C-alpha atoms as a PDB file:
ATOM      1  CA  MET A   1      56.766 174.232  55.034  1.00  0.00           C
ATOM      2  CA  MET A   2      56.001 177.813  54.045  1.00  0.00           C
ATOM      3  CA  ASP A   3      53.495 178.150  51.191  1.00  0.00           C
ATOM      4  CA  LYS A   4      54.900 179.309  47.881  1.00  0.00           C
ATOM      5  CA  VAL A   5      54.172 182.851  46.771  1.00  0.00           C
ATOM      6  CA  ARG A   6      51.932 182.814  43.688  1.00  0.00           C
ATOM      7  CA  VAL A   7      53.408 185.123  41.059  1.00  0.00           C
ATOM      8  CA  ILE A   8      52.712 186.452  37.564  1.00  0.00           C
ATOM      9  CA  ILE A   9      55.299 188.207  35.382  1.00  0.00           C
ATOM     10  CA  ALA A  10      54.459 191.041  32.989  1.00  0.00           C
ATOM     11  CA  GLU A  11      57.402 191.933  30.735  1.00  0.00           C
ATOM     12  CA  ASP A  12      57.440 192.687  27.007  1.00  0.00           C
ATOM     13  CA  GLU A  13      61.176 192.367  26.301  1.00  0.00           C
ATOM     14  CA  PRO A  14      61.971 188.668  25.525  1.00  0.00           C
ATOM     15  CA  GLN A  15      65.463 188.595  27.045  1.00  0.00           C
ATOM     16  CA  MET A  16      64.389 190.261  30.271  1.00  0.00           C
ATOM     17  CA  ARG A  17      61.290 188.063  30.412  1.00  0.00           C
ATOM     18  CA  GLU A  18      63.461 184.950  30.078  1.00  0.00           C
ATOM     19  CA  HIS A  19      65.933 186.274  32.660  1.00  0.00           C
ATOM     20  CA  LEU A  20      63.233 186.859  35.248  1.00  0.00           C
ATOM     21  CA  THR A  21      61.539 183.557  34.431  1.00  0.00           C
ATOM     22  CA  CYS A  22      64.789 181.677  35.047  1.00  0.00           C
ATOM     23  CA  ILE A  23      65.260 183.416  38.398  1.00  0.00           C
ATOM     24  CA  LEU A  24      61.763 182.535  39.598  1.00  0.00           C
ATOM     25  CA  ASP A  25      61.723 179.007  38.158  1.00  0.00           C
ATOM     26  CA  ALA A  26      64.859 178.261  40.174  1.00  0.00           C
ATOM     27  CA  GLU A  27      63.322 179.628  43.366  1.00  0.00           C
ATOM     28  CA  THR A  28      61.549 176.957  45.423  1.00  0.00           C
ATOM     29  CA  THR A  29      59.560 179.501  47.426  1.00  0.00           C
ATOM     30  CA  VAL A  30      57.867 180.991  44.350  1.00  0.00           C
ATOM     31  CA  ASP A  31      55.137 179.487  42.168  1.00  0.00           C
ATOM     32  CA  LEU A  32      55.242 181.162  38.741  1.00  0.00           C
ATOM     33  CA  LEU A  33      51.666 180.952  37.435  1.00  0.00           C
ATOM     34  CA  GLY A  34      51.887 182.836  34.163  1.00  0.00           C
ATOM     35  CA  ILE A  35      53.843 185.219  31.957  1.00  0.00           C
ATOM     36  CA  ALA A  36      52.358 188.220  30.152  1.00  0.00           C
ATOM     37  CA  GLU A  37      53.968 190.139  27.293  1.00  0.00           C
ATOM     38  CA  ASN A  38      51.833 193.261  27.795  1.00  0.00           C
ATOM     39  CA  GLY A  39      49.715 194.987  30.406  1.00  0.00           C
ATOM     40  CA  GLU A  40      46.420 193.848  28.948  1.00  0.00           C
ATOM     41  CA  ARG A  41      47.469 190.208  29.213  1.00  0.00           C
ATOM     42  CA  ALA A  42      48.709 190.815  32.754  1.00  0.00           C
ATOM     43  CA  VAL A  43      45.224 191.916  33.812  1.00  0.00           C
ATOM     44  CA  GLN A  44      43.709 188.820  32.169  1.00  0.00           C
ATOM     45  CA  LEU A  45      46.165 186.483  33.925  1.00  0.00           C
ATOM     46  CA  ALA A  46      45.606 188.182  37.261  1.00  0.00           C
ATOM     47  CA  LEU A  47      41.863 187.583  36.951  1.00  0.00           C
ATOM     48  CA  GLN A  48      42.455 183.992  35.862  1.00  0.00           C
ATOM     49  CA  PHE A  49      45.010 182.897  38.467  1.00  0.00           C
ATOM     50  CA  GLU A  50      44.479 185.292  41.415  1.00  0.00           C
ATOM     51  CA  PRO A  51      48.199 185.639  42.223  1.00  0.00           C
ATOM     52  CA  GLN A  52      49.572 187.163  45.379  1.00  0.00           C
ATOM     53  CA  VAL A  53      52.118 189.240  43.465  1.00  0.00           C
ATOM     54  CA  VAL A  54      52.388 190.577  39.920  1.00  0.00           C
ATOM     55  CA  VAL A  55      55.930 191.562  38.889  1.00  0.00           C
ATOM     56  CA  MET A  56      55.151 194.379  36.479  1.00  0.00           C
ATOM     57  CA  ASP A  57      57.240 196.179  33.877  1.00  0.00           C
ATOM     58  CA  ILE A  58      56.208 199.783  33.104  1.00  0.00           C
ATOM     59  CA  ARG A  59      56.814 200.313  29.387  1.00  0.00           C
ATOM     60  CA  MET A  60      54.774 197.699  27.510  1.00  0.00           C
ATOM     61  CA  PRO A  61      52.599 197.634  24.363  1.00  0.00           C
ATOM     62  CA  ARG A  62      48.783 197.617  24.293  1.00  0.00           C
ATOM     63  CA  MET A  63      48.614 198.687  27.946  1.00  0.00           C
ATOM     64  CA  ASP A  64      51.489 200.024  30.039  1.00  0.00           C
ATOM     65  CA  GLY A  65      52.320 198.725  33.487  1.00  0.00           C
ATOM     66  CA  ILE A  66      50.921 201.741  35.297  1.00  0.00           C
ATOM     67  CA  GLU A  67      47.466 201.368  33.752  1.00  0.00           C
ATOM     68  CA  ALA A  68      47.605 197.592  34.241  1.00  0.00           C
ATOM     69  CA  THR A  69      48.450 198.159  37.906  1.00  0.00           C
ATOM     70  CA  ARG A  70      45.537 200.553  38.262  1.00  0.00           C
ATOM     71  CA  ARG A  71      43.103 198.033  36.756  1.00  0.00           C
ATOM     72  CA  ILE A  72      44.383 195.064  38.747  1.00  0.00           C
ATOM     73  CA  LYS A  73      44.151 196.977  42.023  1.00  0.00           C
ATOM     74  CA  SER A  74      40.664 198.147  41.114  1.00  0.00           C
ATOM     75  CA  LEU A  75      39.450 194.622  40.313  1.00  0.00           C
ATOM     76  CA  MET A  76      41.539 192.700  42.873  1.00  0.00           C
ATOM     77  CA  PRO A  77      42.705 194.946  45.738  1.00  0.00           C
ATOM     78  CA  SER A  78      44.433 192.072  47.540  1.00  0.00           C
ATOM     79  CA  VAL A  79      46.855 191.442  44.652  1.00  0.00           C
ATOM     80  CA  GLN A  80      50.200 193.153  45.263  1.00  0.00           C
ATOM     81  CA  VAL A  81      51.947 194.720  42.266  1.00  0.00           C
ATOM     82  CA  LEU A  82      55.724 194.925  42.346  1.00  0.00           C
ATOM     83  CA  ILE A  83      57.083 197.274  39.688  1.00  0.00           C
ATOM     84  CA  TRP A  84      60.261 195.900  38.065  1.00  0.00           C
ATOM     85  CA  THR A  85      61.786 198.348  35.619  1.00  0.00           C
ATOM     86  CA  ILE A  86      64.871 200.170  34.401  1.00  0.00           C
ATOM     87  CA  TYR A  87      63.195 203.525  35.060  1.00  0.00           C
ATOM     88  CA  ALA A  88      63.892 205.341  38.324  1.00  0.00           C
ATOM     89  CA  ASP A  89      62.692 208.764  37.229  1.00  0.00           C
ATOM     90  CA  ASP A  90      60.289 210.645  39.482  1.00  0.00           C
ATOM     91  CA  GLN A  91      57.289 210.577  37.143  1.00  0.00           C
ATOM     92  CA  ASN A  92      57.241 206.799  36.811  1.00  0.00           C
ATOM     93  CA  VAL A  93      57.922 206.243  40.511  1.00  0.00           C
ATOM     94  CA  PHE A  94      54.994 208.347  41.653  1.00  0.00           C
ATOM     95  CA  GLU A  95      52.628 207.331  38.871  1.00  0.00           C
ATOM     96  CA  ALA A  96      53.187 203.660  39.774  1.00  0.00           C
ATOM     97  CA  ILE A  97      52.659 204.304  43.468  1.00  0.00           C
ATOM     98  CA  LYS A  98      49.520 206.363  42.814  1.00  0.00           C
ATOM     99  CA  ALA A  99      48.227 203.504  40.656  1.00  0.00           C
ATOM    100  CA  GLY A 100      48.556 201.160  43.645  1.00  0.00           C
ATOM    101  CA  ALA A 101      51.973 199.512  43.307  1.00  0.00           C
ATOM    102  CA  THR A 102      53.236 198.226  46.626  1.00  0.00           C
ATOM    103  CA  GLY A 103      56.936 198.143  45.724  1.00  0.00           C
ATOM    104  CA  TYR A 104      59.425 199.266  43.140  1.00  0.00           C
ATOM    105  CA  LEU A 105      62.616 197.420  42.167  1.00  0.00           C
ATOM    106  CA  LEU A 106      65.046 198.207  39.364  1.00  0.00           C
ATOM    107  CA  LYS A 107      66.109 195.629  36.805  1.00  0.00           C
ATOM    108  CA  ASP A 108      69.725 195.833  37.904  1.00  0.00           C
ATOM    109  CA  SER A 109      68.700 194.349  41.268  1.00  0.00           C
ATOM    110  CA  PRO A 110      70.394 190.995  42.014  1.00  0.00           C
ATOM    111  CA  PRO A 111      68.195 187.865  41.924  1.00  0.00           C
ATOM    112  CA  SER A 112      68.200 187.539  45.719  1.00  0.00           C
ATOM    113  CA  GLU A 113      66.842 191.075  46.064  1.00  0.00           C
ATOM    114  CA  ILE A 114      64.095 190.396  43.522  1.00  0.00           C
ATOM    115  CA  VAL A 115      63.021 187.265  45.402  1.00  0.00           C
ATOM    116  CA  ARG A 116      63.095 189.099  48.738  1.00  0.00           C
ATOM    117  CA  GLY A 117      61.029 191.860  47.173  1.00  0.00           C
ATOM    118  CA  ILE A 118      58.407 189.378  45.996  1.00  0.00           C
ATOM    119  CA  HIS A 119      58.119 187.820  49.459  1.00  0.00           C
ATOM    120  CA  ALA A 120      57.938 191.244  51.084  1.00  0.00           C
ATOM    121  CA  ALA A 121      55.207 192.340  48.669  1.00  0.00           C
ATOM    122  CA  ALA A 122      53.246 189.156  49.377  1.00  0.00           C
ATOM    123  CA  GLN A 123      53.309 190.122  53.067  1.00  0.00           C
ATOM    124  CA  GLY A 124      51.943 193.572  52.256  1.00  0.00           C
ATOM    125  CA  GLU A 125      55.288 195.295  52.755  1.00  0.00           C
ATOM    126  CA  SER A 126      56.732 197.895  50.376  1.00  0.00           C
ATOM    127  CA  PRO A 127      60.119 196.852  49.008  1.00  0.00           C
ATOM    128  CA  LEU A 128      61.880 199.777  47.349  1.00  0.00           C
ATOM    129  CA  HIS A 129      65.192 199.997  45.531  1.00  0.00           C
ATOM    130  CA  PRO A 130      67.456 202.374  47.529  1.00  0.00           C
ATOM    131  CA  ALA A 131      67.634 204.849  44.627  1.00  0.00           C
ATOM    132  CA  VAL A 132      63.850 204.958  44.476  1.00  0.00           C
ATOM    133  CA  ALA A 133      63.441 205.235  48.251  1.00  0.00           C
ATOM    134  CA  SER A 134      65.669 208.326  48.344  1.00  0.00           C
ATOM    135  CA  ARG A 135      63.657 209.972  45.550  1.00  0.00           C
ATOM    136  CA  ILE A 136      60.391 209.322  47.400  1.00  0.00           C
ATOM    137  CA  LEU A 137      61.806 210.746  50.635  1.00  0.00           C
ATOM    138  CA  HIS A 138      63.003 213.836  48.762  1.00  0.00           C
ATOM    139  CA  GLU A 139      59.602 214.316  47.120  1.00  0.00           C
ATOM    140  CA  PHE A 140      57.719 213.989  50.411  1.00  0.00           C
ATOM    141  CA  GLN A 141      60.050 216.560  51.969  1.00  0.00           C
ATOM    142  CA  ARG A 142      59.443 218.892  49.010  1.00  0.00           C
ATOM    143  CA  LEU A 143      55.677 218.497  49.299  1.00  0.00           C
ATOM    144  CA  ARG A 144      55.791 219.088  53.053  1.00  0.00           C
ATOM    145  CA  THR A 145      57.754 222.311  52.524  1.00  0.00           C
ATOM    146  CA  GLN A 146      55.390 223.390  49.756  1.00  0.00           C
ATOM    147  CA  HIS A 147      52.343 222.687  51.930  1.00  0.00           C
ATOM    148  CA  ALA A 148      53.766 224.656  54.868  1.00  0.00           C
ATOM    149  CA  ARG A 149      54.606 227.600  52.595  1.00  0.00           C
ATOM    150  CA  ALA A 150      51.095 227.642  51.093  1.00  0.00           C
ATOM    151  CA  ALA A 151      49.528 227.503  54.567  1.00  0.00           C
ATOM    152  CA  HIS A 152      51.646 230.478  55.618  1.00  0.00           C
ATOM    153  CA  LEU A 153      50.594 232.493  52.538  1.00  0.00           C
ATOM    154  CA  LEU A 154      46.919 231.850  53.323  1.00  0.00           C
ATOM    155  CA  THR A 155      47.354 233.495  56.724  1.00  0.00           C
ATOM    156  CA  GLU A 156      48.229 236.712  54.883  1.00  0.00           C
ATOM    157  CA  LEU A 157      44.672 236.959  53.513  1.00  0.00           C
ATOM    158  CA  THR A 158      42.039 239.097  55.223  1.00  0.00           C
ATOM    159  CA  PRO A 159      38.756 237.437  56.314  1.00  0.00           C
ATOM    160  CA  ARG A 160      36.966 238.920  53.277  1.00  0.00           C
ATOM    161  CA  GLU A 161      39.717 237.700  50.922  1.00  0.00           C
ATOM    162  CA  ARG A 162      39.467 234.204  52.392  1.00  0.00           C
ATOM    163  CA  GLU A 163      35.698 234.317  51.917  1.00  0.00           C
ATOM    164  CA  ILE A 164      36.057 235.315  48.274  1.00  0.00           C
ATOM    165  CA  LEU A 165      38.771 232.674  47.719  1.00  0.00           C
ATOM    166  CA  GLY A 166      36.381 230.048  49.048  1.00  0.00           C
ATOM    167  CA  MET A 167      33.733 231.200  46.590  1.00  0.00           C
ATOM    168  CA  ILE A 168      36.242 231.060  43.736  1.00  0.00           C
ATOM    169  CA  ALA A 169      37.087 227.489  44.743  1.00  0.00           C
ATOM    170  CA  GLU A 170      33.375 226.649  44.616  1.00  0.00           C
ATOM    171  CA  GLY A 171      33.312 227.797  40.982  1.00  0.00           C
ATOM    172  CA  LYS A 172      31.391 231.029  41.475  1.00  0.00           C
ATOM    173  CA  ARG A 173      31.842 233.797  38.890  1.00  0.00           C
ATOM    174  CA  ASN A 174      32.634 237.402  39.727  1.00  0.00           C
ATOM    175  CA  LYS A 175      29.023 238.517  39.350  1.00  0.00           C
ATOM    176  CA  GLU A 176      27.793 235.729  41.647  1.00  0.00           C
ATOM    177  CA  ILE A 177      30.365 236.713  44.251  1.00  0.00           C
ATOM    178  CA  ALA A 178      29.433 240.374  43.922  1.00  0.00           C
ATOM    179  CA  ASP A 179      25.717 239.635  44.327  1.00  0.00           C
ATOM    180  CA  ALA A 180      26.302 237.358  47.321  1.00  0.00           C
ATOM    181  CA  LEU A 181      28.424 239.959  49.118  1.00  0.00           C
ATOM    182  CA  SER A 182      26.495 243.041  47.947  1.00  0.00           C
ATOM    183  CA  ILE A 183      29.577 244.620  46.362  1.00  0.00           C
ATOM    184  CA  THR A 184      30.448 245.605  42.799  1.00  0.00           C
ATOM    185  CA  GLU A 185      32.159 243.343  40.280  1.00  0.00           C
ATOM    186  CA  LYS A 186      35.009 245.857  40.107  1.00  0.00           C
ATOM    187  CA  THR A 187      35.528 245.445  43.846  1.00  0.00           C
ATOM    188  CA  VAL A 188      35.538 241.650  43.433  1.00  0.00           C
ATOM    189  CA  LYS A 189      38.202 241.968  40.711  1.00  0.00           C
ATOM    190  CA  ASN A 190      40.332 244.107  43.016  1.00  0.00           C
ATOM    191  CA  TYR A 191      40.010 241.512  45.798  1.00  0.00           C
ATOM    192  CA  ILE A 192      40.989 238.733  43.387  1.00  0.00           C
ATOM    193  CA  SER A 193      44.064 240.668  42.234  1.00  0.00           C
ATOM    194  CA  ASN A 194      45.133 241.049  45.863  1.00  0.00           C
ATOM    195  CA  ILE A 195      44.511 237.350  46.534  1.00  0.00           C
ATOM    196  CA  LEU A 196      46.624 236.248  43.561  1.00  0.00           C
ATOM    197  CA  PHE A 197      49.426 238.598  44.597  1.00  0.00           C
ATOM    198  CA  LYS A 198      49.451 237.400  48.219  1.00  0.00           C
ATOM    199  CA  LEU A 199      49.305 233.719  47.273  1.00  0.00           C
ATOM    200  CA  GLN A 200      52.001 234.185  44.592  1.00  0.00           C
ATOM    201  CA  VAL A 201      49.933 232.420  41.922  1.00  0.00           C
ATOM    202  CA  ASN A 202      49.130 233.439  38.341  1.00  0.00           C
ATOM    203  CA  SER A 203      45.480 232.528  37.964  1.00  0.00           C
ATOM    204  CA  ARG A 204      42.252 232.046  39.867  1.00  0.00           C
ATOM    205  CA  THR A 205      42.443 228.337  38.980  1.00  0.00           C
ATOM    206  CA  GLU A 206      45.739 227.979  40.857  1.00  0.00           C
ATOM    207  CA  ALA A 207      44.272 229.923  43.760  1.00  0.00           C
ATOM    208  CA  ALA A 208      41.178 227.693  43.774  1.00  0.00           C
ATOM    209  CA  LEU A 209      43.293 224.515  43.837  1.00  0.00           C
ATOM    210  CA  LEU A 210      45.300 225.866  46.756  1.00  0.00           C
ATOM    211  CA  ALA A 211      42.062 226.715  48.595  1.00  0.00           C
ATOM    212  CA  VAL A 212      40.681 223.210  48.071  1.00  0.00           C
ATOM    213  CA  ARG A 213      43.897 221.585  49.312  1.00  0.00           C
ATOM    214  CA  HIS A 214      43.697 223.623  52.515  1.00  0.00           C
ATOM    215  CA  GLY A 215      40.005 223.109  53.183  1.00  0.00           C
ATOM    216  CA  LEU A 216      38.649 226.515  52.241  1.00  0.00           C
ATOM    217  CA  ALA A 217      36.011 225.010  49.935  1.00  0.00           C
END
């Protein structure tokens, strides 16, 4: 017989908590170890019971699900966190994934899909609601396009402009750059103006971030 998946629930809304509890109590392949009403309690229960999967709501008092996910993954990397929420907006999707969530299901998912998601998470897979999966694909495509565009803009810089951009990314001030290159501060300012124009950014901070992302610093 297959071992039961050890699970903890974290959900602050009583009706939804009871709904999910009923689903998992009726499922013979799941062992429900504990129920938390906030993120702080979820972290405590995870440390106490060492579950395989934590089914985690996002919006909760005392500590939200994203921060709770971050702490659980920091303390217990092997625990899989499955986000279970009504929110499918981009910010919550990516914040949860960056925090270490392995999957993301919406609360309108049928019971069978929730159970499948728990088993998939326990196996280290990444169950995603179709609406969420399409958003993630769209975001990755956007980032890929953005990265390619930035790389192309960097090729427009002269060798000296790239050198100065690298120094900006290292946090050097205009005077330090001028001294290092034996040029005047006015000349450095002119170079920086050209760099910002070519990279289509509004500040040296934006330019520095772009340089770091593309390995110029």
